[in-house]
Amino acid sequence: MKKVLIADKADAICERILKERGLEPVVKTGMKPEELKACIAGFDAIIVRSATTLTKDLIEAAANLKAVARAGSGVDNIDVPACTEKKVVVMNTPFGNTVSTGEHAIAMMMALARHIPQANASTHAGKWEKKKFEGVELTGKTLGVVGCGNIGGVVVERALGLKMNVLVYTPNMTAERARKLGAQMAGLDELYQKSDFITYHVAMREATKGLLNKEAIAKMKKGVRLINCARGGIMVEADVKEALLSGQVAGLACDVFVKEPATEHIFFGMENVIATPHIAASTKDAQVTVARQAAEQIADYLLTGKRTHAVNGDKL
């Protein structure tokens, strides 16, 4: 019987589906790298979320590994080239948390516009600071969406429902897709110059590392508000803090950080920063969906060879 390691916390449906398909799931979460390395050779497949990082060292120790499934969209916690070299297929679930992440970005934008977390904390503290928390309306404002894939598309549709003007930038986006979404295509510089709010929905790769930096911020409107529910590494955090202090950036809503878990950070304590602990995809609905999809992908591959959403499928 083929063994599948569930290395990160996943909904119970994941284990149940693997059992129903005749596989042997083993749930061992929270392992340190050395613990994982000691047992990884005994598994035919591994399911991870974002807590476990599968490094080249671990992949090389996985003598029997045939497949890795990421219950989520990003695979930056998996050394995909190392997997490819060992002929290990890497699959993700790109649509499972799309709505949850897009909705979180919209919620963060609303919270920025109306200072909701700060006003909530103040009111709970027994204060009544109506004048302090004057906000701005979203209606008629321009939202720039950097990265208009599945999640970005969800954000666009909801922002249009809020009567916002929406600009989108994606290098490979077609005019037809933009037309269907009801958004306007723009170059990145144009988007920066015209947007009142900017939200990022790009994958973490070499081309996007440090995308949000001092040079980019200098092109933006003074008082722009930024939302990042993508990856911390797309920001140069020190540059963003400097802009928050100067007023060039009026506010930041951030769900992701360069180093996670972020128990200490240069953003913490800033009144114009809203921070959440990488929870954009953390809804019950999304977790059930990605756990089910990851289990089905692994079962299909181990039992039939079928690859679904294989990020390195063309290289194996």
C-alpha atoms as a PDB file:
ATOM      1  CA  MET A   1       0.000   0.000   0.000  1.00  0.00           C
ATOM      2  CA  LYS A   2       1.386   3.368  -1.042  1.00  0.00           C
ATOM      3  CA  LYS A   3       2.014   5.792   1.830  1.00  0.00           C
ATOM      4  CA  VAL A   4       1.179   9.492   1.756  1.00  0.00           C
ATOM      5  CA  LEU A   5       2.513  11.948   4.313  1.00  0.00           C
ATOM      6  CA  ILE A   6       0.214  14.827   5.260  1.00  0.00           C
ATOM      7  CA  ALA A   7       2.901  17.137   6.617  1.00  0.00           C
ATOM      8  CA  ASP A   8       0.766  20.205   7.377  1.00  0.00           C
ATOM      9  CA  LYS A   9      -2.603  20.643   9.012  1.00  0.00           C
ATOM     10  CA  ALA A  10      -5.333  19.893   6.497  1.00  0.00           C
ATOM     11  CA  ASP A  11      -9.057  19.321   6.663  1.00  0.00           C
ATOM     12  CA  ALA A  12     -10.049  15.762   7.623  1.00  0.00           C
ATOM     13  CA  ILE A  13     -11.443  15.197   4.131  1.00  0.00           C
ATOM     14  CA  CYS A  14      -7.857  14.889   2.884  1.00  0.00           C
ATOM     15  CA  GLU A  15      -7.100  11.804   4.993  1.00  0.00           C
ATOM     16  CA  ARG A  16     -10.530  10.336   4.327  1.00  0.00           C
ATOM     17  CA  ILE A  17     -10.226  10.516   0.543  1.00  0.00           C
ATOM     18  CA  LEU A  18      -6.777   8.926   0.571  1.00  0.00           C
ATOM     19  CA  LYS A  19      -8.090   6.019   2.649  1.00  0.00           C
ATOM     20  CA  GLU A  20     -11.126   5.611   0.402  1.00  0.00           C
ATOM     21  CA  ARG A  21      -8.828   5.409  -2.627  1.00  0.00           C
ATOM     22  CA  GLY A  22      -6.812   2.595  -1.049  1.00  0.00           C
ATOM     23  CA  LEU A  23      -3.784   4.596   0.071  1.00  0.00           C
ATOM     24  CA  GLU A  24      -2.228   4.820   3.527  1.00  0.00           C
ATOM     25  CA  PRO A  25      -2.237   8.398   4.820  1.00  0.00           C
ATOM     26  CA  VAL A  26       0.046   9.344   7.707  1.00  0.00           C
ATOM     27  CA  VAL A  27      -0.600  12.655   9.450  1.00  0.00           C
ATOM     28  CA  LYS A  28       2.547  14.108  11.004  1.00  0.00           C
ATOM     29  CA  THR A  29       2.411  17.894  11.233  1.00  0.00           C
ATOM     30  CA  GLY A  30       4.765  20.437  12.715  1.00  0.00           C
ATOM     31  CA  MET A  31       7.921  18.405  12.106  1.00  0.00           C
ATOM     32  CA  LYS A  32      11.278  20.123  12.141  1.00  0.00           C
ATOM     33  CA  PRO A  33      13.429  19.650   9.017  1.00  0.00           C
ATOM     34  CA  GLU A  34      15.627  17.037  10.672  1.00  0.00           C
ATOM     35  CA  GLU A  35      12.565  15.066  11.805  1.00  0.00           C
ATOM     36  CA  LEU A  36      11.076  15.173   8.319  1.00  0.00           C
ATOM     37  CA  LYS A  37      14.383  14.139   6.780  1.00  0.00           C
ATOM     38  CA  ALA A  38      14.551  11.107   9.063  1.00  0.00           C
ATOM     39  CA  CYS A  39      11.203   9.736   7.882  1.00  0.00           C
ATOM     40  CA  ILE A  40      10.670  11.120   4.395  1.00  0.00           C
ATOM     41  CA  ALA A  41      12.184   8.116   2.608  1.00  0.00           C
ATOM     42  CA  GLY A  42       9.234   5.976   3.637  1.00  0.00           C
ATOM     43  CA  PHE A  43       6.642   7.899   1.653  1.00  0.00           C
ATOM     44  CA  ASP A  44       5.475   7.761  -1.947  1.00  0.00           C
ATOM     45  CA  ALA A  45       3.871  11.206  -1.800  1.00  0.00           C
ATOM     46  CA  ILE A  46       3.647  14.271   0.420  1.00  0.00           C
ATOM     47  CA  ILE A  47       0.884  16.840   0.889  1.00  0.00           C
ATOM     48  CA  VAL A  48       1.893  20.234   2.266  1.00  0.00           C
ATOM     49  CA  ARG A  49       0.379  23.654   2.766  1.00  0.00           C
ATOM     50  CA  SER A  50       2.651  26.611   3.582  1.00  0.00           C
ATOM     51  CA  ALA A  51       4.183  25.587   6.926  1.00  0.00           C
ATOM     52  CA  THR A  52       6.472  22.860   5.581  1.00  0.00           C
ATOM     53  CA  THR A  53       9.333  23.792   3.271  1.00  0.00           C
ATOM     54  CA  LEU A  54      10.565  21.006   1.027  1.00  0.00           C
ATOM     55  CA  THR A  55      14.194  21.874   0.345  1.00  0.00           C
ATOM     56  CA  LYS A  56      16.614  20.204  -2.061  1.00  0.00           C
ATOM     57  CA  ASP A  57      18.171  18.421   0.911  1.00  0.00           C
ATOM     58  CA  LEU A  58      14.829  16.895   1.889  1.00  0.00           C
ATOM     59  CA  ILE A  59      13.900  15.976  -1.679  1.00  0.00           C
ATOM     60  CA  GLU A  60      17.208  14.146  -2.115  1.00  0.00           C
ATOM     61  CA  ALA A  61      16.504  12.160   1.069  1.00  0.00           C
ATOM     62  CA  ALA A  62      13.080  11.101  -0.210  1.00  0.00           C
ATOM     63  CA  ALA A  63      14.145   7.861  -1.890  1.00  0.00           C
ATOM     64  CA  ASN A  64      10.631   6.693  -2.818  1.00  0.00           C
ATOM     65  CA  LEU A  65       8.974  10.041  -3.443  1.00  0.00           C
ATOM     66  CA  LYS A  66       6.894  10.239  -6.597  1.00  0.00           C
ATOM     67  CA  ALA A  67       4.599  13.210  -6.038  1.00  0.00           C
ATOM     68  CA  VAL A  68       4.134  16.358  -3.981  1.00  0.00           C
ATOM     69  CA  ALA A  69       0.826  18.199  -3.721  1.00  0.00           C
ATOM     70  CA  ARG A  70       0.547  21.740  -2.407  1.00  0.00           C
ATOM     71  CA  ALA A  71      -2.883  22.391  -0.891  1.00  0.00           C
ATOM     72  CA  GLY A  72      -2.855  25.947  -2.169  1.00  0.00           C
ATOM     73  CA  SER A  73      -1.633  27.857  -5.189  1.00  0.00           C
ATOM     74  CA  GLY A  74       1.912  29.035  -4.444  1.00  0.00           C
ATOM     75  CA  VAL A  75       4.744  26.506  -4.589  1.00  0.00           C
ATOM     76  CA  ASP A  76       7.590  28.723  -3.374  1.00  0.00           C
ATOM     77  CA  ASN A  77       7.979  26.488  -0.302  1.00  0.00           C
ATOM     78  CA  ILE A  78       8.848  23.561  -2.596  1.00  0.00           C
ATOM     79  CA  ASP A  79      12.149  23.214  -4.442  1.00  0.00           C
ATOM     80  CA  VAL A  80      10.525  22.448  -7.772  1.00  0.00           C
ATOM     81  CA  PRO A  81      13.816  22.087  -9.735  1.00  0.00           C
ATOM     82  CA  ALA A  82      15.030  19.515  -7.187  1.00  0.00           C
ATOM     83  CA  CYS A  83      11.762  17.604  -7.588  1.00  0.00           C
ATOM     84  CA  THR A  84      12.037  17.758 -11.363  1.00  0.00           C
ATOM     85  CA  GLU A  85      15.579  16.425 -11.215  1.00  0.00           C
ATOM     86  CA  LYS A  86      14.305  13.427  -9.220  1.00  0.00           C
ATOM     87  CA  LYS A  87      11.306  12.954 -11.539  1.00  0.00           C
ATOM     88  CA  VAL A  88       8.904  13.929  -8.747  1.00  0.00           C
ATOM     89  CA  VAL A  89       5.736  15.590 -10.002  1.00  0.00           C
ATOM     90  CA  VAL A  90       4.686  18.755  -8.153  1.00  0.00           C
ATOM     91  CA  MET A  91       1.002  19.689  -8.236  1.00  0.00           C
ATOM     92  CA  ASN A  92      -0.905  22.610  -6.745  1.00  0.00           C
ATOM     93  CA  THR A  93      -4.565  23.550  -6.292  1.00  0.00           C
ATOM     94  CA  PRO A  94      -4.728  26.935  -8.053  1.00  0.00           C
ATOM     95  CA  PHE A  95      -8.484  27.448  -7.818  1.00  0.00           C
ATOM     96  CA  GLY A  96      -9.297  26.145  -4.338  1.00  0.00           C
ATOM     97  CA  ASN A  97      -8.608  29.319  -2.384  1.00  0.00           C
ATOM     98  CA  THR A  98      -9.239  31.843  -5.148  1.00  0.00           C
ATOM     99  CA  VAL A  99     -12.441  33.321  -3.743  1.00  0.00           C
ATOM    100  CA  SER A 100     -11.231  33.369  -0.143  1.00  0.00           C
ATOM    101  CA  THR A 101      -8.027  35.207  -1.031  1.00  0.00           C
ATOM    102  CA  GLY A 102      -9.784  37.668  -3.324  1.00  0.00           C
ATOM    103  CA  GLU A 103     -12.407  38.421  -0.689  1.00  0.00           C
ATOM    104  CA  HIS A 104      -9.688  38.979   1.920  1.00  0.00           C
ATOM    105  CA  ALA A 105      -8.017  41.537  -0.333  1.00  0.00           C
ATOM    106  CA  ILE A 106     -11.325  43.390  -0.701  1.00  0.00           C
ATOM    107  CA  ALA A 107     -11.872  43.251   3.072  1.00  0.00           C
ATOM    108  CA  MET A 108      -8.374  44.630   3.645  1.00  0.00           C
ATOM    109  CA  MET A 109      -9.052  47.467   1.194  1.00  0.00           C
ATOM    110  CA  MET A 110     -12.265  48.384   3.004  1.00  0.00           C
ATOM    111  CA  ALA A 111     -10.500  48.232   6.355  1.00  0.00           C
ATOM    112  CA  LEU A 112      -7.808  50.584   5.019  1.00  0.00           C
ATOM    113  CA  ALA A 113     -10.361  53.010   3.639  1.00  0.00           C
ATOM    114  CA  ARG A 114     -12.318  53.263   6.906  1.00  0.00           C
ATOM    115  CA  HIS A 115      -9.651  52.524   9.577  1.00  0.00           C
ATOM    116  CA  ILE A 116     -11.823  49.694  10.883  1.00  0.00           C
ATOM    117  CA  PRO A 117      -9.269  47.767  13.010  1.00  0.00           C
ATOM    118  CA  GLN A 118      -7.972  50.959  14.615  1.00  0.00           C
ATOM    119  CA  ALA A 119     -11.471  52.300  15.303  1.00  0.00           C
ATOM    120  CA  ASN A 120     -12.503  48.948  16.743  1.00  0.00           C
ATOM    121  CA  ALA A 121      -9.533  48.873  19.138  1.00  0.00           C
ATOM    122  CA  SER A 122     -10.145  52.470  20.177  1.00  0.00           C
ATOM    123  CA  THR A 123     -13.838  51.895  20.869  1.00  0.00           C
ATOM    124  CA  HIS A 124     -13.134  48.750  22.881  1.00  0.00           C
ATOM    125  CA  ALA A 125     -10.708  50.827  24.932  1.00  0.00           C
ATOM    126  CA  GLY A 126     -13.604  53.089  25.943  1.00  0.00           C
ATOM    127  CA  LYS A 127     -12.704  55.989  23.691  1.00  0.00           C
ATOM    128  CA  TRP A 128     -15.016  57.751  21.265  1.00  0.00           C
ATOM    129  CA  GLU A 129     -12.705  59.153  18.600  1.00  0.00           C
ATOM    130  CA  LYS A 130     -15.045  59.944  15.716  1.00  0.00           C
ATOM    131  CA  LYS A 131     -12.913  62.695  14.216  1.00  0.00           C
ATOM    132  CA  LYS A 132      -9.717  60.622  14.348  1.00  0.00           C
ATOM    133  CA  PHE A 133     -11.019  57.906  12.044  1.00  0.00           C
ATOM    134  CA  GLU A 134     -12.330  59.870   9.097  1.00  0.00           C
ATOM    135  CA  GLY A 135     -11.990  57.635   6.068  1.00  0.00           C
ATOM    136  CA  VAL A 136     -12.443  57.713   2.316  1.00  0.00           C
ATOM    137  CA  GLU A 137     -15.096  56.251   0.031  1.00  0.00           C
ATOM    138  CA  LEU A 138     -14.290  53.539  -2.487  1.00  0.00           C
ATOM    139  CA  THR A 139     -16.914  54.644  -4.994  1.00  0.00           C
ATOM    140  CA  GLY A 140     -15.266  56.461  -7.869  1.00  0.00           C
ATOM    141  CA  LYS A 141     -11.748  55.662  -6.709  1.00  0.00           C
ATOM    142  CA  THR A 142      -9.270  53.851  -8.944  1.00  0.00           C
ATOM    143  CA  LEU A 143      -8.009  50.419  -7.952  1.00  0.00           C
ATOM    144  CA  GLY A 144      -4.866  49.107  -9.575  1.00  0.00           C
ATOM    145  CA  VAL A 145      -4.628  45.301  -9.702  1.00  0.00           C
ATOM    146  CA  VAL A 146      -1.094  44.060 -10.269  1.00  0.00           C
ATOM    147  CA  GLY A 147      -1.409  40.446 -11.379  1.00  0.00           C
ATOM    148  CA  CYS A 148      -4.792  39.559 -12.795  1.00  0.00           C
ATOM    149  CA  GLY A 149      -4.886  35.786 -12.696  1.00  0.00           C
ATOM    150  CA  ASN A 150      -7.556  33.789 -10.891  1.00  0.00           C
ATOM    151  CA  ILE A 151      -7.391  35.755  -7.629  1.00  0.00           C
ATOM    152  CA  GLY A 152      -6.905  39.099  -9.315  1.00  0.00           C
ATOM    153  CA  GLY A 153      -9.972  38.396 -11.434  1.00  0.00           C
ATOM    154  CA  VAL A 154     -12.074  37.850  -8.297  1.00  0.00           C
ATOM    155  CA  VAL A 155     -10.846  41.185  -6.936  1.00  0.00           C
ATOM    156  CA  VAL A 156     -11.657  42.987 -10.186  1.00  0.00           C
ATOM    157  CA  GLU A 157     -15.216  41.657 -10.303  1.00  0.00           C
ATOM    158  CA  ARG A 158     -15.946  42.683  -6.722  1.00  0.00           C
ATOM    159  CA  ALA A 159     -14.275  46.076  -7.033  1.00  0.00           C
ATOM    160  CA  LEU A 160     -16.426  46.870 -10.065  1.00  0.00           C
ATOM    161  CA  GLY A 161     -19.444  45.992  -7.942  1.00  0.00           C
ATOM    162  CA  LEU A 162     -18.263  48.644  -5.488  1.00  0.00           C
ATOM    163  CA  LYS A 163     -18.356  51.195  -8.340  1.00  0.00           C
ATOM    164  CA  MET A 164     -14.578  51.555  -8.500  1.00  0.00           C
ATOM    165  CA  ASN A 165     -12.580  52.227 -11.645  1.00  0.00           C
ATOM    166  CA  VAL A 166     -10.227  49.274 -12.156  1.00  0.00           C
ATOM    167  CA  LEU A 167      -6.865  49.210 -13.916  1.00  0.00           C
ATOM    168  CA  VAL A 168      -5.118  45.873 -14.406  1.00  0.00           C
ATOM    169  CA  TYR A 169      -1.535  45.001 -15.204  1.00  0.00           C
ATOM    170  CA  THR A 170      -0.424  41.508 -16.139  1.00  0.00           C
ATOM    171  CA  PRO A 171       2.355  40.982 -18.689  1.00  0.00           C
ATOM    172  CA  ASN A 172       0.534  38.253 -20.606  1.00  0.00           C
ATOM    173  CA  MET A 173      -3.007  39.547 -20.228  1.00  0.00           C
ATOM    174  CA  THR A 174      -5.121  39.764 -23.372  1.00  0.00           C
ATOM    175  CA  ALA A 175      -7.418  42.639 -24.247  1.00  0.00           C
ATOM    176  CA  GLU A 176     -10.250  40.097 -24.532  1.00  0.00           C
ATOM    177  CA  ARG A 177      -9.847  38.978 -20.904  1.00  0.00           C
ATOM    178  CA  ALA A 178      -9.733  42.580 -19.704  1.00  0.00           C
ATOM    179  CA  ARG A 179     -12.881  43.344 -21.696  1.00  0.00           C
ATOM    180  CA  LYS A 180     -14.727  40.368 -20.212  1.00  0.00           C
ATOM    181  CA  LEU A 181     -13.758  41.440 -16.704  1.00  0.00           C
ATOM    182  CA  GLY A 182     -14.830  45.016 -17.380  1.00  0.00           C
ATOM    183  CA  ALA A 183     -11.424  46.402 -16.421  1.00  0.00           C
ATOM    184  CA  GLN A 184      -8.960  48.610 -18.293  1.00  0.00           C
ATOM    185  CA  MET A 185      -5.503  47.348 -19.184  1.00  0.00           C
ATOM    186  CA  ALA A 186      -2.609  49.598 -18.231  1.00  0.00           C
ATOM    187  CA  GLY A 187       1.147  49.616 -18.149  1.00  0.00           C
ATOM    188  CA  LEU A 188       2.656  49.281 -14.704  1.00  0.00           C
ATOM    189  CA  ASP A 189       3.829  52.904 -14.587  1.00  0.00           C
ATOM    190  CA  GLU A 190       0.410  54.161 -15.694  1.00  0.00           C
ATOM    191  CA  LEU A 191      -1.284  52.004 -13.070  1.00  0.00           C
ATOM    192  CA  TYR A 192       1.011  53.400 -10.370  1.00  0.00           C
ATOM    193  CA  GLN A 193       0.363  56.990 -11.447  1.00  0.00           C
ATOM    194  CA  LYS A 194      -3.444  56.753 -11.556  1.00  0.00           C
ATOM    195  CA  SER A 195      -4.406  54.376  -8.728  1.00  0.00           C
ATOM    196  CA  ASP A 196      -5.766  55.394  -5.320  1.00  0.00           C
ATOM    197  CA  PHE A 197      -5.499  51.801  -4.092  1.00  0.00           C
ATOM    198  CA  ILE A 198      -3.115  49.126  -5.406  1.00  0.00           C
ATOM    199  CA  THR A 199      -3.454  45.419  -4.674  1.00  0.00           C
ATOM    200  CA  TYR A 200      -0.875  42.789  -5.591  1.00  0.00           C
ATOM    201  CA  HIS A 201      -1.725  39.262  -6.773  1.00  0.00           C
ATOM    202  CA  VAL A 202       1.489  37.949  -8.314  1.00  0.00           C
ATOM    203  CA  ALA A 203       3.388  34.730  -7.688  1.00  0.00           C
ATOM    204  CA  MET A 204       6.742  34.840  -5.921  1.00  0.00           C
ATOM    205  CA  ARG A 205       9.487  34.371  -8.490  1.00  0.00           C
ATOM    206  CA  GLU A 206      12.744  36.055  -9.433  1.00  0.00           C
ATOM    207  CA  ALA A 207      10.985  38.585 -11.674  1.00  0.00           C
ATOM    208  CA  THR A 208       8.625  39.727  -8.901  1.00  0.00           C
ATOM    209  CA  LYS A 209      11.075  39.745  -6.001  1.00  0.00           C
ATOM    210  CA  GLY A 210      11.161  43.268  -4.569  1.00  0.00           C
ATOM    211  CA  LEU A 211       8.637  44.500  -7.151  1.00  0.00           C
ATOM    212  CA  LEU A 212       7.179  46.918  -4.608  1.00  0.00           C
ATOM    213  CA  ASN A 213      10.224  49.054  -3.897  1.00  0.00           C
ATOM    214  CA  LYS A 214      11.351  52.671  -3.517  1.00  0.00           C
ATOM    215  CA  GLU A 215      11.441  53.276  -7.260  1.00  0.00           C
ATOM    216  CA  ALA A 216       7.919  51.895  -7.752  1.00  0.00           C
ATOM    217  CA  ILE A 217       6.517  53.876  -4.828  1.00  0.00           C
ATOM    218  CA  ALA A 218       7.997  57.123  -6.201  1.00  0.00           C
ATOM    219  CA  LYS A 219       5.796  56.671  -9.308  1.00  0.00           C
ATOM    220  CA  MET A 220       2.606  56.356  -7.251  1.00  0.00           C
ATOM    221  CA  LYS A 221       0.122  59.004  -6.179  1.00  0.00           C
ATOM    222  CA  LYS A 222       0.919  60.634  -2.859  1.00  0.00           C
ATOM    223  CA  GLY A 223      -1.407  59.051  -0.305  1.00  0.00           C
ATOM    224  CA  VAL A 224      -1.843  55.754  -2.162  1.00  0.00           C
ATOM    225  CA  ARG A 225      -3.068  52.790  -0.140  1.00  0.00           C
ATOM    226  CA  LEU A 226      -1.461  49.376  -0.730  1.00  0.00           C
ATOM    227  CA  ILE A 227      -2.738  45.826  -0.211  1.00  0.00           C
ATOM    228  CA  ASN A 228      -0.517  42.732  -0.305  1.00  0.00           C
ATOM    229  CA  CYS A 229      -2.181  39.349   0.051  1.00  0.00           C
ATOM    230  CA  ALA A 230       0.289  37.664  -2.325  1.00  0.00           C
ATOM    231  CA  ARG A 231       3.799  37.056  -0.962  1.00  0.00           C
ATOM    232  CA  GLY A 232       5.979  39.073   1.392  1.00  0.00           C
ATOM    233  CA  GLY A 233       8.992  38.793  -0.878  1.00  0.00           C
ATOM    234  CA  ILE A 234       7.455  41.017  -3.550  1.00  0.00           C
ATOM    235  CA  MET A 235       7.971  43.951  -1.163  1.00  0.00           C
ATOM    236  CA  VAL A 236      11.136  45.666  -0.060  1.00  0.00           C
ATOM    237  CA  GLU A 237       9.757  46.105   3.433  1.00  0.00           C
ATOM    238  CA  ALA A 238      12.175  48.857   4.492  1.00  0.00           C
ATOM    239  CA  ASP A 239      11.200  50.937   1.432  1.00  0.00           C
ATOM    240  CA  VAL A 240       7.502  50.520   2.203  1.00  0.00           C
ATOM    241  CA  LYS A 241       8.013  51.572   5.825  1.00  0.00           C
ATOM    242  CA  GLU A 242       9.906  54.684   4.741  1.00  0.00           C
ATOM    243  CA  ALA A 243       7.001  55.609   2.444  1.00  0.00           C
ATOM    244  CA  LEU A 244       4.480  55.007   5.230  1.00  0.00           C
ATOM    245  CA  LEU A 245       6.413  57.322   7.520  1.00  0.00           C
ATOM    246  CA  SER A 246       6.725  60.060   4.887  1.00  0.00           C
ATOM    247  CA  GLY A 247       3.055  59.949   3.901  1.00  0.00           C
ATOM    248  CA  GLN A 248       3.754  58.941   0.297  1.00  0.00           C
ATOM    249  CA  VAL A 249       1.861  55.769   1.194  1.00  0.00           C
ATOM    250  CA  ALA A 250      -1.173  56.535   3.356  1.00  0.00           C
ATOM    251  CA  GLY A 251      -1.741  52.974   4.473  1.00  0.00           C
ATOM    252  CA  LEU A 252      -0.728  49.362   4.028  1.00  0.00           C
ATOM    253  CA  ALA A 253      -2.846  46.246   4.515  1.00  0.00           C
ATOM    254  CA  CYS A 254      -0.506  43.279   4.648  1.00  0.00           C
ATOM    255  CA  ASP A 255      -1.270  39.577   5.017  1.00  0.00           C
ATOM    256  CA  VAL A 256       2.202  38.319   4.096  1.00  0.00           C
ATOM    257  CA  PHE A 257       5.779  38.993   5.168  1.00  0.00           C
ATOM    258  CA  VAL A 258       9.266  38.201   3.909  1.00  0.00           C
ATOM    259  CA  LYS A 259       9.922  36.077   6.982  1.00  0.00           C
ATOM    260  CA  GLU A 260       7.069  34.067   8.452  1.00  0.00           C
ATOM    261  CA  PRO A 261       5.865  33.557  11.082  1.00  0.00           C
ATOM    262  CA  ALA A 262       6.367  37.266  11.720  1.00  0.00           C
ATOM    263  CA  THR A 263       6.312  37.649  15.501  1.00  0.00           C
ATOM    264  CA  GLU A 264       8.401  40.811  15.289  1.00  0.00           C
ATOM    265  CA  HIS A 265       8.390  43.221  12.368  1.00  0.00           C
ATOM    266  CA  ILE A 266       9.220  46.783  11.335  1.00  0.00           C
ATOM    267  CA  PHE A 267       5.536  47.330  10.430  1.00  0.00           C
ATOM    268  CA  PHE A 268       4.207  46.350  13.835  1.00  0.00           C
ATOM    269  CA  GLY A 269       2.919  49.238  15.929  1.00  0.00           C
ATOM    270  CA  MET A 270       2.430  51.568  12.964  1.00  0.00           C
ATOM    271  CA  GLU A 271      -1.013  53.189  13.033  1.00  0.00           C
ATOM    272  CA  ASN A 272      -1.337  53.157   9.247  1.00  0.00           C
ATOM    273  CA  VAL A 273      -0.642  49.435   8.869  1.00  0.00           C
ATOM    274  CA  ILE A 274      -3.218  46.655   9.060  1.00  0.00           C
ATOM    275  CA  ALA A 275      -1.582  43.258   9.462  1.00  0.00           C
ATOM    276  CA  THR A 276      -3.018  39.746   9.380  1.00  0.00           C
ATOM    277  CA  PRO A 277      -1.102  36.445   9.805  1.00  0.00           C
ATOM    278  CA  HIS A 278      -1.242  35.013   6.264  1.00  0.00           C
ATOM    279  CA  ILE A 279      -4.935  34.135   6.552  1.00  0.00           C
ATOM    280  CA  ALA A 280      -6.223  35.194   3.132  1.00  0.00           C
ATOM    281  CA  ALA A 281      -6.902  31.577   2.176  1.00  0.00           C
ATOM    282  CA  SER A 282      -7.977  30.550   5.671  1.00  0.00           C
ATOM    283  CA  THR A 283     -11.683  30.041   5.356  1.00  0.00           C
ATOM    284  CA  LYS A 284     -13.392  26.757   6.148  1.00  0.00           C
ATOM    285  CA  ASP A 285     -14.694  26.649   2.595  1.00  0.00           C
ATOM    286  CA  ALA A 286     -11.257  27.048   1.021  1.00  0.00           C
ATOM    287  CA  GLN A 287      -9.518  24.601   3.342  1.00  0.00           C
ATOM    288  CA  VAL A 288     -12.027  21.862   2.580  1.00  0.00           C
ATOM    289  CA  THR A 289     -11.657  22.491  -1.142  1.00  0.00           C
ATOM    290  CA  VAL A 290      -7.840  22.484  -1.292  1.00  0.00           C
ATOM    291  CA  ALA A 291      -7.567  19.467   1.030  1.00  0.00           C
ATOM    292  CA  ARG A 292      -9.987  17.500  -1.143  1.00  0.00           C
ATOM    293  CA  GLN A 293      -8.273  18.533  -4.362  1.00  0.00           C
ATOM    294  CA  ALA A 294      -4.766  17.733  -3.085  1.00  0.00           C
ATOM    295  CA  ALA A 295      -5.864  14.281  -1.914  1.00  0.00           C
ATOM    296  CA  GLU A 296      -7.567  13.533  -5.231  1.00  0.00           C
ATOM    297  CA  GLN A 297      -4.517  14.702  -7.181  1.00  0.00           C
ATOM    298  CA  ILE A 298      -2.177  12.449  -5.214  1.00  0.00           C
ATOM    299  CA  ALA A 299      -4.516   9.469  -5.453  1.00  0.00           C
ATOM    300  CA  ASP A 300      -5.014   9.943  -9.187  1.00  0.00           C
ATOM    301  CA  TYR A 301      -1.282  10.168  -9.816  1.00  0.00           C
ATOM    302  CA  LEU A 302      -0.204   7.245  -7.635  1.00  0.00           C
ATOM    303  CA  LEU A 303      -2.965   4.964  -8.881  1.00  0.00           C
ATOM    304  CA  THR A 304      -3.370   5.968 -12.537  1.00  0.00           C
ATOM    305  CA  GLY A 305      -0.530   8.331 -13.424  1.00  0.00           C
ATOM    306  CA  LYS A 306      -2.934  11.207 -14.060  1.00  0.00           C
ATOM    307  CA  ARG A 307      -1.394  14.637 -13.447  1.00  0.00           C
ATOM    308  CA  THR A 308      -3.620  17.552 -12.488  1.00  0.00           C
ATOM    309  CA  HIS A 309      -2.168  21.063 -12.267  1.00  0.00           C
ATOM    310  CA  ALA A 310       1.397  19.746 -12.411  1.00  0.00           C
ATOM    311  CA  VAL A 311       3.660  22.797 -12.263  1.00  0.00           C
ATOM    312  CA  ASN A 312       6.622  20.821 -13.622  1.00  0.00           C
ATOM    313  CA  GLY A 313       4.692  18.409 -15.821  1.00  0.00           C
ATOM    314  CA  ASP A 314       6.294  19.604 -19.041  1.00  0.00           C
ATOM    315  CA  LYS A 315       9.782  18.892 -17.661  1.00  0.00           C
ATOM    316  CA  LEU A 316       9.312  15.314 -16.503  1.00  0.00           C
END
